[in-house]
Amino acid sequence: MPKMKTHKASSKRFKRTASGRFRRVKIGKSHLRRKKPGRVTRSFDKTMEVTTTGNVKRLKRLMPYSGKKRKRR
């Protein structure tokens, strides 16, 4: 059986946490930040959890090797 391929764009945009959840960067971070208040621009530095069930299933399919590492005996 051939290896499954990782979707490279998804692997650059999403990160897997140690507990197995997916994290993403907030939108609106890249440009037009000068006219926004400092409180808002600081909030762009935080990441958000992907919570929609359909999106999580899609990410698991797109990134099959991003899961937790299993210990071998």
PDB file of N, CA and C in Angstrom:
ATOM      1  N   MET A   1       0.844  -1.177   0.000  1.00  0.00           N
ATOM      2  CA  MET A   1       0.000   0.000   0.000  1.00  0.00           C
ATOM      3  C   MET A   1       0.892   1.245   0.000  1.00  0.00           C
ATOM      4  N   PRO A   2       0.671   2.193  -0.903  1.00  0.00           N
ATOM      5  CA  PRO A   2       1.527   3.384  -0.943  1.00  0.00           C
ATOM      6  C   PRO A   2       1.256   4.321   0.235  1.00  0.00           C
ATOM      7  N   LYS A   3       2.228   5.172   0.482  1.00  0.00           N
ATOM      8  CA  LYS A   3       2.078   6.142   1.554  1.00  0.00           C
ATOM      9  C   LYS A   3       1.016   7.168   1.175  1.00  0.00           C
ATOM     10  N   MET A   4       0.351   7.714   2.190  1.00  0.00           N
ATOM     11  CA  MET A   4      -0.605   8.794   1.957  1.00  0.00           C
ATOM     12  C   MET A   4       0.173  10.104   1.891  1.00  0.00           C
ATOM     13  N   LYS A   5      -0.266  11.006   1.037  1.00  0.00           N
ATOM     14  CA  LYS A   5       0.441  12.277   0.888  1.00  0.00           C
ATOM     15  C   LYS A   5      -0.174  13.333   1.803  1.00  0.00           C
ATOM     16  N   THR A   6       0.693  14.164   2.373  1.00  0.00           N
ATOM     17  CA  THR A   6       0.264  15.269   3.213  1.00  0.00           C
ATOM     18  C   THR A   6      -0.028  16.470   2.334  1.00  0.00           C
ATOM     19  N   HIS A   7      -1.145  17.152   2.606  1.00  0.00           N
ATOM     20  CA  HIS A   7      -1.480  18.377   1.887  1.00  0.00           C
ATOM     21  C   HIS A   7      -0.608  19.499   2.448  1.00  0.00           C
ATOM     22  N   LYS A   8       0.351  19.971   1.646  1.00  0.00           N
ATOM     23  CA  LYS A   8       1.390  20.876   2.145  1.00  0.00           C
ATOM     24  C   LYS A   8       0.842  22.235   2.572  1.00  0.00           C
ATOM     25  N   ALA A   9      -0.172  22.754   1.874  1.00  0.00           N
ATOM     26  CA  ALA A   9      -0.740  24.047   2.269  1.00  0.00           C
ATOM     27  C   ALA A   9      -1.399  23.945   3.639  1.00  0.00           C
ATOM     28  N   SER A  10      -2.066  22.838   3.900  1.00  0.00           N
ATOM     29  CA  SER A  10      -2.701  22.650   5.208  1.00  0.00           C
ATOM     30  C   SER A  10      -1.667  22.486   6.312  1.00  0.00           C
ATOM     31  N   SER A  11      -0.569  21.794   6.008  1.00  0.00           N
ATOM     32  CA  SER A  11       0.445  21.594   7.033  1.00  0.00           C
ATOM     33  C   SER A  11       1.151  22.896   7.398  1.00  0.00           C
ATOM     34  N   LYS A  12       1.141  23.876   6.496  1.00  0.00           N
ATOM     35  CA  LYS A  12       1.741  25.176   6.797  1.00  0.00           C
ATOM     36  C   LYS A  12       0.775  26.088   7.548  1.00  0.00           C
ATOM     37  N   ARG A  13      -0.531  25.903   7.361  1.00  0.00           N
ATOM     38  CA  ARG A  13      -1.524  26.777   7.976  1.00  0.00           C
ATOM     39  C   ARG A  13      -2.016  26.284   9.331  1.00  0.00           C
ATOM     40  N   PHE A  14      -1.968  24.995   9.568  1.00  0.00           N
ATOM     41  CA  PHE A  14      -2.508  24.410  10.788  1.00  0.00           C
ATOM     42  C   PHE A  14      -1.427  23.637  11.523  1.00  0.00           C
ATOM     43  N   LYS A  15      -1.507  23.659  12.855  1.00  0.00           N
ATOM     44  CA  LYS A  15      -0.571  22.921  13.688  1.00  0.00           C
ATOM     45  C   LYS A  15      -1.364  22.028  14.618  1.00  0.00           C
ATOM     46  N   ARG A  16      -0.812  20.874  14.942  1.00  0.00           N
ATOM     47  CA  ARG A  16      -1.462  19.928  15.837  1.00  0.00           C
ATOM     48  C   ARG A  16      -0.879  20.097  17.226  1.00  0.00           C
ATOM     49  N   THR A  17      -1.728  20.158  18.228  1.00  0.00           N
ATOM     50  CA  THR A  17      -1.264  20.303  19.602  1.00  0.00           C
ATOM     51  C   THR A  17      -0.923  18.932  20.167  1.00  0.00           C
ATOM     52  N   ALA A  18      -0.356  18.917  21.345  1.00  0.00           N
ATOM     53  CA  ALA A  18       0.019  17.653  21.974  1.00  0.00           C
ATOM     54  C   ALA A  18      -1.211  16.826  22.337  1.00  0.00           C
ATOM     55  N   SER A  19      -2.342  17.504  22.581  1.00  0.00           N
ATOM     56  CA  SER A  19      -3.567  16.777  22.918  1.00  0.00           C
ATOM     57  C   SER A  19      -4.325  16.322  21.676  1.00  0.00           C
ATOM     58  N   GLY A  20      -3.845  16.685  20.477  1.00  0.00           N
ATOM     59  CA  GLY A  20      -4.464  16.216  19.246  1.00  0.00           C
ATOM     60  C   GLY A  20      -5.404  17.200  18.585  1.00  0.00           C
ATOM     61  N   ARG A  21      -5.537  18.397  19.134  1.00  0.00           N
ATOM     62  CA  ARG A  21      -6.407  19.404  18.529  1.00  0.00           C
ATOM     63  C   ARG A  21      -5.631  20.209  17.494  1.00  0.00           C
ATOM     64  N   PHE A  22      -6.358  20.869  16.598  1.00  0.00           N
ATOM     65  CA  PHE A  22      -5.733  21.692  15.566  1.00  0.00           C
ATOM     66  C   PHE A  22      -5.827  23.156  15.943  1.00  0.00           C
ATOM     67  N   ARG A  23      -4.748  23.901  15.694  1.00  0.00           N
ATOM     68  CA  ARG A  23      -4.700  25.342  15.947  1.00  0.00           C
ATOM     69  C   ARG A  23      -4.500  26.068  14.623  1.00  0.00           C
ATOM     70  N   ARG A  24      -5.070  27.276  14.515  1.00  0.00           N
ATOM     71  CA  ARG A  24      -4.928  28.076  13.313  1.00  0.00           C
ATOM     72  C   ARG A  24      -4.674  29.527  13.693  1.00  0.00           C
ATOM     73  N   VAL A  25      -4.155  30.307  12.733  1.00  0.00           N
ATOM     74  CA  VAL A  25      -3.885  31.722  12.940  1.00  0.00           C
ATOM     75  C   VAL A  25      -5.151  32.504  12.620  1.00  0.00           C
ATOM     76  N   LYS A  26      -5.384  33.589  13.323  1.00  0.00           N
ATOM     77  CA  LYS A  26      -6.559  34.413  13.065  1.00  0.00           C
ATOM     78  C   LYS A  26      -6.443  35.107  11.720  1.00  0.00           C
ATOM     79  N   ILE A  27      -7.603  35.411  11.114  1.00  0.00           N
ATOM     80  CA  ILE A  27      -7.608  36.102   9.828  1.00  0.00           C
ATOM     81  C   ILE A  27      -7.422  37.603  10.047  1.00  0.00           C
ATOM     82  N   GLY A  28      -7.014  38.316   8.998  1.00  0.00           N
ATOM     83  CA  GLY A  28      -6.864  39.755   9.068  1.00  0.00           C
ATOM     84  C   GLY A  28      -5.550  40.211   9.649  1.00  0.00           C
ATOM     85  N   LYS A  29      -4.569  39.333   9.737  1.00  0.00           N
ATOM     86  CA  LYS A  29      -3.311  39.662  10.392  1.00  0.00           C
ATOM     87  C   LYS A  29      -2.318  40.338   9.453  1.00  0.00           C
ATOM     88  N   SER A  30      -2.452  40.133   8.155  1.00  0.00           N
ATOM     89  CA  SER A  30      -1.364  40.471   7.248  1.00  0.00           C
ATOM     90  C   SER A  30      -1.274  41.958   6.877  1.00  0.00           C
ATOM     91  N   HIS A  31      -2.385  42.611   6.616  1.00  0.00           N
ATOM     92  CA  HIS A  31      -2.284  44.011   6.196  1.00  0.00           C
ATOM     93  C   HIS A  31      -3.479  44.802   6.727  1.00  0.00           C
ATOM     94  N   LEU A  32      -3.415  46.145   6.560  1.00  0.00           N
ATOM     95  CA  LEU A  32      -4.421  47.095   7.068  1.00  0.00           C
ATOM     96  C   LEU A  32      -4.514  47.050   8.597  1.00  0.00           C
ATOM     97  N   ARG A  33      -3.369  46.910   9.250  1.00  0.00           N
ATOM     98  CA  ARG A  33      -3.367  46.832  10.705  1.00  0.00           C
ATOM     99  C   ARG A  33      -3.161  48.189  11.363  1.00  0.00           C
ATOM    100  N   ARG A  34      -2.727  49.199  10.609  1.00  0.00           N
ATOM    101  CA  ARG A  34      -2.420  50.492  11.225  1.00  0.00           C
ATOM    102  C   ARG A  34      -3.671  51.201  11.720  1.00  0.00           C
ATOM    103  N   LYS A  35      -4.785  50.968  11.055  1.00  0.00           N
ATOM    104  CA  LYS A  35      -6.010  51.657  11.458  1.00  0.00           C
ATOM    105  C   LYS A  35      -6.790  50.917  12.540  1.00  0.00           C
ATOM    106  N   LYS A  36      -6.300  49.762  12.960  1.00  0.00           N
ATOM    107  CA  LYS A  36      -6.974  48.998  14.008  1.00  0.00           C
ATOM    108  C   LYS A  36      -6.364  49.336  15.372  1.00  0.00           C
ATOM    109  N   PRO A  37      -7.147  49.256  16.423  1.00  0.00           N
ATOM    110  CA  PRO A  37      -6.606  49.561  17.756  1.00  0.00           C
ATOM    111  C   PRO A  37      -5.554  48.543  18.196  1.00  0.00           C
ATOM    112  N   GLY A  38      -4.723  48.948  19.132  1.00  0.00           N
ATOM    113  CA  GLY A  38      -3.657  48.082  19.613  1.00  0.00           C
ATOM    114  C   GLY A  38      -4.167  46.808  20.241  1.00  0.00           C
ATOM    115  N   ARG A  39      -5.310  46.903  20.914  1.00  0.00           N
ATOM    116  CA  ARG A  39      -5.899  45.715  21.531  1.00  0.00           C
ATOM    117  C   ARG A  39      -6.243  44.666  20.476  1.00  0.00           C
ATOM    118  N   VAL A  40      -6.727  45.124  19.332  1.00  0.00           N
ATOM    119  CA  VAL A  40      -7.116  44.198  18.266  1.00  0.00           C
ATOM    120  C   VAL A  40      -5.878  43.593  17.613  1.00  0.00           C
ATOM    121  N   THR A  41      -4.862  44.406  17.361  1.00  0.00           N
ATOM    122  CA  THR A  41      -3.666  43.881  16.710  1.00  0.00           C
ATOM    123  C   THR A  41      -2.918  42.905  17.615  1.00  0.00           C
ATOM    124  N   ARG A  42      -2.967  43.113  18.920  1.00  0.00           N
ATOM    125  CA  ARG A  42      -2.359  42.151  19.833  1.00  0.00           C
ATOM    126  C   ARG A  42      -3.130  40.837  19.854  1.00  0.00           C
ATOM    127  N   SER A  43      -4.427  40.918  19.626  1.00  0.00           N
ATOM    128  CA  SER A  43      -5.219  39.686  19.625  1.00  0.00           C
ATOM    129  C   SER A  43      -4.931  38.832  18.393  1.00  0.00           C
ATOM    130  N   PHE A  44      -4.365  39.431  17.338  1.00  0.00           N
ATOM    131  CA  PHE A  44      -4.001  38.663  16.146  1.00  0.00           C
ATOM    132  C   PHE A  44      -2.839  37.711  16.412  1.00  0.00           C
ATOM    133  N   ASP A  45      -2.054  37.966  17.465  1.00  0.00           N
ATOM    134  CA  ASP A  45      -0.895  37.128  17.750  1.00  0.00           C
ATOM    135  C   ASP A  45      -1.280  35.771  18.327  1.00  0.00           C
ATOM    136  N   LYS A  46      -2.489  35.658  18.843  1.00  0.00           N
ATOM    137  CA  LYS A  46      -2.929  34.401  19.442  1.00  0.00           C
ATOM    138  C   LYS A  46      -3.477  33.469  18.359  1.00  0.00           C
ATOM    139  N   THR A  47      -3.421  32.179  18.625  1.00  0.00           N
ATOM    140  CA  THR A  47      -3.984  31.207  17.703  1.00  0.00           C
ATOM    141  C   THR A  47      -5.333  30.732  18.226  1.00  0.00           C
ATOM    142  N   MET A  48      -6.158  30.220  17.322  1.00  0.00           N
ATOM    143  CA  MET A  48      -7.481  29.738  17.690  1.00  0.00           C
ATOM    144  C   MET A  48      -7.582  28.255  17.395  1.00  0.00           C
ATOM    145  N   GLU A  49      -8.456  27.602  18.118  1.00  0.00           N
ATOM    146  CA  GLU A  49      -8.667  26.174  17.917  1.00  0.00           C
ATOM    147  C   GLU A  49      -9.696  25.960  16.813  1.00  0.00           C
ATOM    148  N   VAL A  50      -9.466  24.959  15.987  1.00  0.00           N
ATOM    149  CA  VAL A  50     -10.448  24.572  14.973  1.00  0.00           C
ATOM    150  C   VAL A  50     -11.471  23.704  15.672  1.00  0.00           C
ATOM    151  N   THR A  51     -12.739  24.173  15.712  1.00  0.00           N
ATOM    152  CA  THR A  51     -13.745  23.478  16.508  1.00  0.00           C
ATOM    153  C   THR A  51     -14.819  22.799  15.671  1.00  0.00           C
ATOM    154  N   THR A  52     -15.030  23.218  14.433  1.00  0.00           N
ATOM    155  CA  THR A  52     -16.083  22.625  13.623  1.00  0.00           C
ATOM    156  C   THR A  52     -15.731  21.175  13.310  1.00  0.00           C
ATOM    157  N   THR A  53     -16.659  20.278  13.546  1.00  0.00           N
ATOM    158  CA  THR A  53     -16.397  18.848  13.401  1.00  0.00           C
ATOM    159  C   THR A  53     -16.003  18.485  11.980  1.00  0.00           C
ATOM    160  N   GLY A  54     -16.685  19.076  10.999  1.00  0.00           N
ATOM    161  CA  GLY A  54     -16.372  18.775   9.603  1.00  0.00           C
ATOM    162  C   GLY A  54     -14.985  19.219   9.219  1.00  0.00           C
ATOM    163  N   ASN A  55     -14.555  20.376   9.728  1.00  0.00           N
ATOM    164  CA  ASN A  55     -13.218  20.868   9.417  1.00  0.00           C
ATOM    165  C   ASN A  55     -12.143  20.009  10.071  1.00  0.00           C
ATOM    166  N   VAL A  56     -12.401  19.523  11.272  1.00  0.00           N
ATOM    167  CA  VAL A  56     -11.423  18.668  11.953  1.00  0.00           C
ATOM    168  C   VAL A  56     -11.265  17.357  11.193  1.00  0.00           C
ATOM    169  N   LYS A  57     -12.370  16.783  10.738  1.00  0.00           N
ATOM    170  CA  LYS A  57     -12.297  15.543   9.959  1.00  0.00           C
ATOM    171  C   LYS A  57     -11.527  15.762   8.663  1.00  0.00           C
ATOM    172  N   ARG A  58     -11.756  16.905   8.025  1.00  0.00           N
ATOM    173  CA  ARG A  58     -11.056  17.222   6.782  1.00  0.00           C
ATOM    174  C   ARG A  58      -9.562  17.374   7.023  1.00  0.00           C
ATOM    175  N   LEU A  59      -9.188  18.032   8.119  1.00  0.00           N
ATOM    176  CA  LEU A  59      -7.768  18.214   8.425  1.00  0.00           C
ATOM    177  C   LEU A  59      -7.092  16.892   8.750  1.00  0.00           C
ATOM    178  N   LYS A  60      -7.794  15.999   9.423  1.00  0.00           N
ATOM    179  CA  LYS A  60      -7.212  14.686   9.716  1.00  0.00           C
ATOM    180  C   LYS A  60      -6.950  13.910   8.425  1.00  0.00           C
ATOM    181  N   ARG A  61      -7.820  14.096   7.434  1.00  0.00           N
ATOM    182  CA  ARG A  61      -7.630  13.410   6.164  1.00  0.00           C
ATOM    183  C   ARG A  61      -6.512  14.065   5.350  1.00  0.00           C
ATOM    184  N   LEU A  62      -6.415  15.398   5.412  1.00  0.00           N
ATOM    185  CA  LEU A  62      -5.388  16.107   4.642  1.00  0.00           C
ATOM    186  C   LEU A  62      -3.991  15.934   5.239  1.00  0.00           C
ATOM    187  N   MET A  63      -3.916  15.767   6.569  1.00  0.00           N
ATOM    188  CA  MET A  63      -2.623  15.652   7.232  1.00  0.00           C
ATOM    189  C   MET A  63      -2.578  14.350   8.023  1.00  0.00           C
ATOM    190  N   PRO A  64      -2.398  13.225   7.356  1.00  0.00           N
ATOM    191  CA  PRO A  64      -2.496  11.938   8.050  1.00  0.00           C
ATOM    192  C   PRO A  64      -1.368  11.669   9.037  1.00  0.00           C
ATOM    193  N   TYR A  65      -0.212  12.296   8.866  1.00  0.00           N
ATOM    194  CA  TYR A  65       0.936  12.009   9.732  1.00  0.00           C
ATOM    195  C   TYR A  65       1.165  13.087  10.776  1.00  0.00           C
ATOM    196  N   SER A  66       0.157  13.927  11.034  1.00  0.00           N
ATOM    197  CA  SER A  66       0.330  14.994  12.016  1.00  0.00           C
ATOM    198  C   SER A  66      -0.135  14.578  13.404  1.00  0.00           C
ATOM    199  N   GLY A  67      -0.539  13.336  13.570  1.00  0.00           N
ATOM    200  CA  GLY A  67      -1.088  12.878  14.838  1.00  0.00           C
ATOM    201  C   GLY A  67      -0.043  12.671  15.906  1.00  0.00           C
ATOM    202  N   LYS A  68      -0.503  12.181  17.015  1.00  0.00           N
ATOM    203  CA  LYS A  68       0.403  11.910  18.131  1.00  0.00           C
ATOM    204  C   LYS A  68       1.328  10.768  17.767  1.00  0.00           C
ATOM    205  N   LYS A  69       2.543  10.839  18.251  1.00  0.00           N
ATOM    206  CA  LYS A  69       3.523   9.777  18.021  1.00  0.00           C
ATOM    207  C   LYS A  69       3.232   8.621  18.970  1.00  0.00           C
ATOM    208  N   ARG A  70       3.255   7.425  18.466  1.00  0.00           N
ATOM    209  CA  ARG A  70       3.043   6.254  19.293  1.00  0.00           C
ATOM    210  C   ARG A  70       4.379   5.659  19.687  1.00  0.00           C
ATOM    211  N   LYS A  71       4.464   5.213  20.922  1.00  0.00           N
ATOM    212  CA  LYS A  71       5.709   4.583  21.387  1.00  0.00           C
ATOM    213  C   LYS A  71       5.765   3.145  20.870  1.00  0.00           C
ATOM    214  N   ARG A  72       6.906   2.793  20.355  1.00  0.00           N
ATOM    215  CA  ARG A  72       7.101   1.411  19.919  1.00  0.00           C
ATOM    216  C   ARG A  72       7.783   0.633  21.019  1.00  0.00           C
ATOM    217  N   ARG A  73       7.412  -0.604  21.143  1.00  0.00           N
ATOM    218  CA  ARG A  73       8.017  -1.432  22.188  1.00  0.00           C
ATOM    219  C   ARG A  73       9.122  -2.267  21.637  1.00  0.00           C
TER     220      ARG A  73
END
